[in-house]
Amino acid sequence: MKMVIFAAVASMLMASSTFAAESTQPSKGPGPNFEQFKSEVLTRIDARIARNQEEKTCVQAAKNHEDLKACRDKFMAEAPRPQKK
């Protein structure tokens, strides 16, 4: 149970940090740059959803603590790192 809570909290932290990084850019309103930016944001959201679904499937398939640890190790190792500016 703790692993599931940990995964949920980790996902929320990654989502909030991405949102914070995106919201620091100036808003230029609708236009070609806006549509491109919006498309890129939606692509990143879809990628996070897919990754979270894979992690959920791994946790659901776990039969014991070692399996849960393997899921955690796998998805923590693959977690995107924040980009330095």
N, C-alpha and C. Protein backbone atom coordinates (compact mmCIF):
# COMPACT_ATOMS: atom_id res chain seq x y z
N MET A 1 0.82 -1.19 0.00
CA MET A 1 0.00 0.00 0.00
C MET A 1 0.87 1.26 0.00
N LYS A 2 1.95 1.21 0.77
CA LYS A 2 2.83 2.37 0.82
C LYS A 2 3.43 2.65 -0.55
N MET A 3 3.70 1.58 -1.31
CA MET A 3 4.29 1.73 -2.64
C MET A 3 3.33 2.47 -3.57
N VAL A 4 2.06 2.13 -3.49
CA VAL A 4 1.06 2.77 -4.34
C VAL A 4 0.95 4.25 -3.99
N ILE A 5 0.94 4.55 -2.71
CA ILE A 5 0.88 5.95 -2.27
C ILE A 5 2.13 6.69 -2.73
N PHE A 6 3.28 6.04 -2.58
CA PHE A 6 4.54 6.65 -3.02
C PHE A 6 4.48 6.96 -4.51
N ALA A 7 3.99 6.01 -5.31
CA ALA A 7 3.91 6.22 -6.76
C ALA A 7 2.98 7.38 -7.09
N ALA A 8 1.86 7.47 -6.38
CA ALA A 8 0.92 8.56 -6.64
C ALA A 8 1.54 9.92 -6.29
N VAL A 9 2.22 9.98 -5.15
CA VAL A 9 2.85 11.24 -4.74
C VAL A 9 3.96 11.63 -5.71
N ALA A 10 4.76 10.65 -6.12
CA ALA A 10 5.85 10.93 -7.07
C ALA A 10 5.30 11.46 -8.39
N SER A 11 4.21 10.87 -8.85
CA SER A 11 3.59 11.32 -10.10
C SER A 11 3.09 12.75 -9.98
N MET A 12 2.47 13.07 -8.85
CA MET A 12 1.96 14.43 -8.66
C MET A 12 3.10 15.43 -8.59
N LEU A 13 4.21 15.06 -7.95
CA LEU A 13 5.34 15.98 -7.86
C LEU A 13 5.94 16.25 -9.23
N MET A 14 6.05 15.20 -10.06
CA MET A 14 6.59 15.39 -11.41
C MET A 14 5.66 16.28 -12.22
N ALA A 15 4.36 16.06 -12.09
CA ALA A 15 3.39 16.85 -12.85
C ALA A 15 3.43 18.31 -12.41
N SER A 16 3.52 18.54 -11.10
CA SER A 16 3.51 19.93 -10.62
C SER A 16 4.79 20.66 -11.00
N SER A 17 5.93 19.95 -11.01
CA SER A 17 7.18 20.61 -11.39
C SER A 17 7.17 20.95 -12.88
N THR A 18 6.57 20.08 -13.69
CA THR A 18 6.47 20.37 -15.12
C THR A 18 5.56 21.56 -15.35
N PHE A 19 4.44 21.61 -14.64
CA PHE A 19 3.51 22.73 -14.77
C PHE A 19 4.19 24.03 -14.36
N ALA A 20 4.94 24.01 -13.27
CA ALA A 20 5.61 25.21 -12.79
C ALA A 20 6.63 25.70 -13.81
N ALA A 21 7.36 24.79 -14.43
CA ALA A 21 8.35 25.18 -15.43
C ALA A 21 7.68 25.76 -16.66
N GLU A 22 6.53 25.22 -17.05
CA GLU A 22 5.83 25.71 -18.22
C GLU A 22 5.16 27.05 -17.97
N SER A 23 4.71 27.29 -16.76
CA SER A 23 3.98 28.51 -16.49
C SER A 23 4.88 29.74 -16.37
N THR A 24 6.20 29.56 -16.36
CA THR A 24 7.10 30.69 -16.26
C THR A 24 7.33 31.37 -17.60
N GLN A 25 6.91 30.72 -18.69
CA GLN A 25 7.07 31.32 -20.01
C GLN A 25 5.98 32.36 -20.24
N PRO A 26 6.32 33.45 -20.89
CA PRO A 26 5.32 34.49 -21.12
C PRO A 26 4.22 34.00 -22.05
N SER A 27 3.01 34.42 -21.79
CA SER A 27 1.88 34.07 -22.62
C SER A 27 1.81 35.03 -23.81
N LYS A 28 1.75 34.45 -24.99
CA LYS A 28 1.71 35.27 -26.19
C LYS A 28 0.36 35.20 -26.87
N GLY A 29 -0.58 34.48 -26.27
CA GLY A 29 -1.90 34.38 -26.85
C GLY A 29 -1.94 33.39 -28.00
N PRO A 30 -3.13 33.22 -28.57
CA PRO A 30 -3.29 32.29 -29.68
C PRO A 30 -2.44 32.68 -30.89
N GLY A 31 -1.98 31.69 -31.59
CA GLY A 31 -1.17 31.91 -32.78
C GLY A 31 -0.37 30.66 -33.07
N PRO A 32 0.47 30.70 -34.07
CA PRO A 32 1.23 29.50 -34.44
C PRO A 32 2.13 28.99 -33.32
N ASN A 33 2.78 29.89 -32.59
CA ASN A 33 3.64 29.45 -31.49
C ASN A 33 2.82 28.84 -30.37
N PHE A 34 1.67 29.41 -30.10
CA PHE A 34 0.80 28.89 -29.05
C PHE A 34 0.34 27.48 -29.40
N GLU A 35 -0.09 27.27 -30.62
CA GLU A 35 -0.58 25.95 -31.03
C GLU A 35 0.53 24.91 -30.97
N GLN A 36 1.73 25.28 -31.34
CA GLN A 36 2.86 24.36 -31.27
C GLN A 36 3.17 24.03 -29.81
N PHE A 37 3.19 25.05 -28.97
CA PHE A 37 3.46 24.85 -27.54
C PHE A 37 2.39 23.95 -26.92
N LYS A 38 1.14 24.23 -27.24
CA LYS A 38 0.03 23.44 -26.72
C LYS A 38 0.17 21.98 -27.15
N SER A 39 0.53 21.75 -28.37
CA SER A 39 0.73 20.39 -28.88
C SER A 39 1.85 19.67 -28.13
N GLU A 40 2.93 20.38 -27.87
CA GLU A 40 4.06 19.79 -27.13
C GLU A 40 3.65 19.45 -25.70
N VAL A 41 2.89 20.32 -25.06
CA VAL A 41 2.42 20.07 -23.69
C VAL A 41 1.53 18.83 -23.67
N LEU A 42 0.61 18.74 -24.62
CA LEU A 42 -0.28 17.58 -24.68
C LEU A 42 0.50 16.28 -24.94
N THR A 43 1.53 16.36 -25.74
CA THR A 43 2.37 15.18 -25.99
C THR A 43 3.06 14.73 -24.71
N ARG A 44 3.58 15.68 -23.94
CA ARG A 44 4.24 15.32 -22.67
C ARG A 44 3.24 14.74 -21.68
N ILE A 45 2.04 15.27 -21.65
CA ILE A 45 1.00 14.75 -20.75
C ILE A 45 0.66 13.32 -21.14
N ASP A 46 0.49 13.07 -22.44
CA ASP A 46 0.19 11.71 -22.90
C ASP A 46 1.31 10.74 -22.53
N ALA A 47 2.56 11.20 -22.63
CA ALA A 47 3.70 10.34 -22.27
C ALA A 47 3.67 10.01 -20.78
N ARG A 48 3.34 11.01 -19.94
CA ARG A 48 3.26 10.76 -18.48
C ARG A 48 2.14 9.78 -18.16
N ILE A 49 1.00 9.95 -18.84
CA ILE A 49 -0.14 9.04 -18.61
C ILE A 49 0.26 7.62 -18.97
N ALA A 50 0.92 7.44 -20.10
CA ALA A 50 1.34 6.10 -20.54
C ALA A 50 2.32 5.50 -19.54
N ARG A 51 3.27 6.30 -19.07
CA ARG A 51 4.26 5.81 -18.11
C ARG A 51 3.59 5.43 -16.79
N ASN A 52 2.67 6.26 -16.33
CA ASN A 52 1.95 5.96 -15.09
C ASN A 52 1.12 4.69 -15.23
N GLN A 53 0.53 4.48 -16.40
CA GLN A 53 -0.27 3.27 -16.63
C GLN A 53 0.64 2.04 -16.60
N GLU A 54 1.82 2.13 -17.20
CA GLU A 54 2.77 1.01 -17.16
C GLU A 54 3.18 0.71 -15.72
N GLU A 55 3.43 1.75 -14.95
CA GLU A 55 3.81 1.56 -13.55
C GLU A 55 2.66 0.93 -12.77
N LYS A 56 1.44 1.38 -13.02
CA LYS A 56 0.27 0.82 -12.34
C LYS A 56 0.13 -0.66 -12.67
N THR A 57 0.30 -1.02 -13.93
CA THR A 57 0.20 -2.42 -14.35
C THR A 57 1.26 -3.27 -13.65
N CYS A 58 2.46 -2.74 -13.54
CA CYS A 58 3.54 -3.45 -12.85
C CYS A 58 3.18 -3.69 -11.39
N VAL A 59 2.68 -2.67 -10.73
CA VAL A 59 2.31 -2.80 -9.31
C VAL A 59 1.15 -3.78 -9.15
N GLN A 60 0.17 -3.72 -10.03
CA GLN A 60 -0.96 -4.64 -9.94
C GLN A 60 -0.52 -6.09 -10.13
N ALA A 61 0.50 -6.32 -10.94
CA ALA A 61 0.97 -7.67 -11.21
C ALA A 61 1.89 -8.20 -10.12
N ALA A 62 2.35 -7.33 -9.23
CA ALA A 62 3.28 -7.74 -8.17
C ALA A 62 2.63 -8.77 -7.26
N LYS A 63 3.41 -9.79 -6.94
CA LYS A 63 2.93 -10.87 -6.07
C LYS A 63 3.51 -10.78 -4.65
N ASN A 64 4.58 -9.97 -4.50
CA ASN A 64 5.22 -9.87 -3.19
C ASN A 64 6.01 -8.55 -3.11
N HIS A 65 6.66 -8.34 -1.99
CA HIS A 65 7.41 -7.09 -1.78
C HIS A 65 8.56 -6.94 -2.77
N GLU A 66 9.19 -8.06 -3.12
CA GLU A 66 10.30 -7.98 -4.07
C GLU A 66 9.82 -7.50 -5.44
N ASP A 67 8.64 -7.97 -5.85
CA ASP A 67 8.07 -7.51 -7.12
C ASP A 67 7.77 -6.01 -7.07
N LEU A 68 7.21 -5.55 -5.95
CA LEU A 68 6.94 -4.12 -5.81
C LEU A 68 8.22 -3.31 -5.86
N LYS A 69 9.26 -3.81 -5.20
CA LYS A 69 10.54 -3.12 -5.22
C LYS A 69 11.10 -3.07 -6.63
N ALA A 70 10.94 -4.15 -7.37
CA ALA A 70 11.42 -4.18 -8.76
C ALA A 70 10.70 -3.13 -9.60
N CYS A 71 9.38 -2.99 -9.38
CA CYS A 71 8.62 -1.95 -10.10
C CYS A 71 9.16 -0.57 -9.74
N ARG A 72 9.35 -0.33 -8.47
CA ARG A 72 9.83 0.97 -8.01
C ARG A 72 11.21 1.27 -8.60
N ASP A 73 12.10 0.27 -8.52
CA ASP A 73 13.45 0.47 -9.05
C ASP A 73 13.42 0.76 -10.55
N LYS A 74 12.58 0.01 -11.29
CA LYS A 74 12.49 0.21 -12.72
C LYS A 74 11.99 1.60 -13.07
N PHE A 75 10.91 2.01 -12.43
CA PHE A 75 10.30 3.29 -12.82
C PHE A 75 11.03 4.49 -12.23
N MET A 76 11.70 4.32 -11.13
CA MET A 76 12.52 5.43 -10.61
C MET A 76 13.74 5.63 -11.49
N ALA A 77 14.32 4.53 -12.00
CA ALA A 77 15.49 4.63 -12.87
C ALA A 77 15.12 5.29 -14.19
N GLU A 78 13.88 5.07 -14.64
CA GLU A 78 13.43 5.62 -15.92
C GLU A 78 12.79 7.00 -15.77
N ALA A 79 12.66 7.49 -14.55
CA ALA A 79 11.98 8.76 -14.31
C ALA A 79 12.73 9.90 -15.01
N PRO A 80 11.98 10.77 -15.67
CA PRO A 80 12.64 11.91 -16.32
C PRO A 80 13.26 12.83 -15.27
N ARG A 81 14.43 13.32 -15.58
CA ARG A 81 15.14 14.23 -14.69
C ARG A 81 14.80 15.66 -15.09
N PRO A 82 14.66 16.55 -14.13
CA PRO A 82 14.40 17.96 -14.46
C PRO A 82 15.58 18.53 -15.27
N GLN A 83 15.26 19.34 -16.25
CA GLN A 83 16.30 19.96 -17.07
C GLN A 83 16.81 21.20 -16.38
N LYS A 84 18.14 21.36 -16.40
CA LYS A 84 18.75 22.56 -15.83
C LYS A 84 18.74 23.65 -16.88
N LYS A 85 18.50 24.86 -16.43
CA LYS A 85 18.47 26.00 -17.37
C LYS A 85 19.73 26.80 -17.27
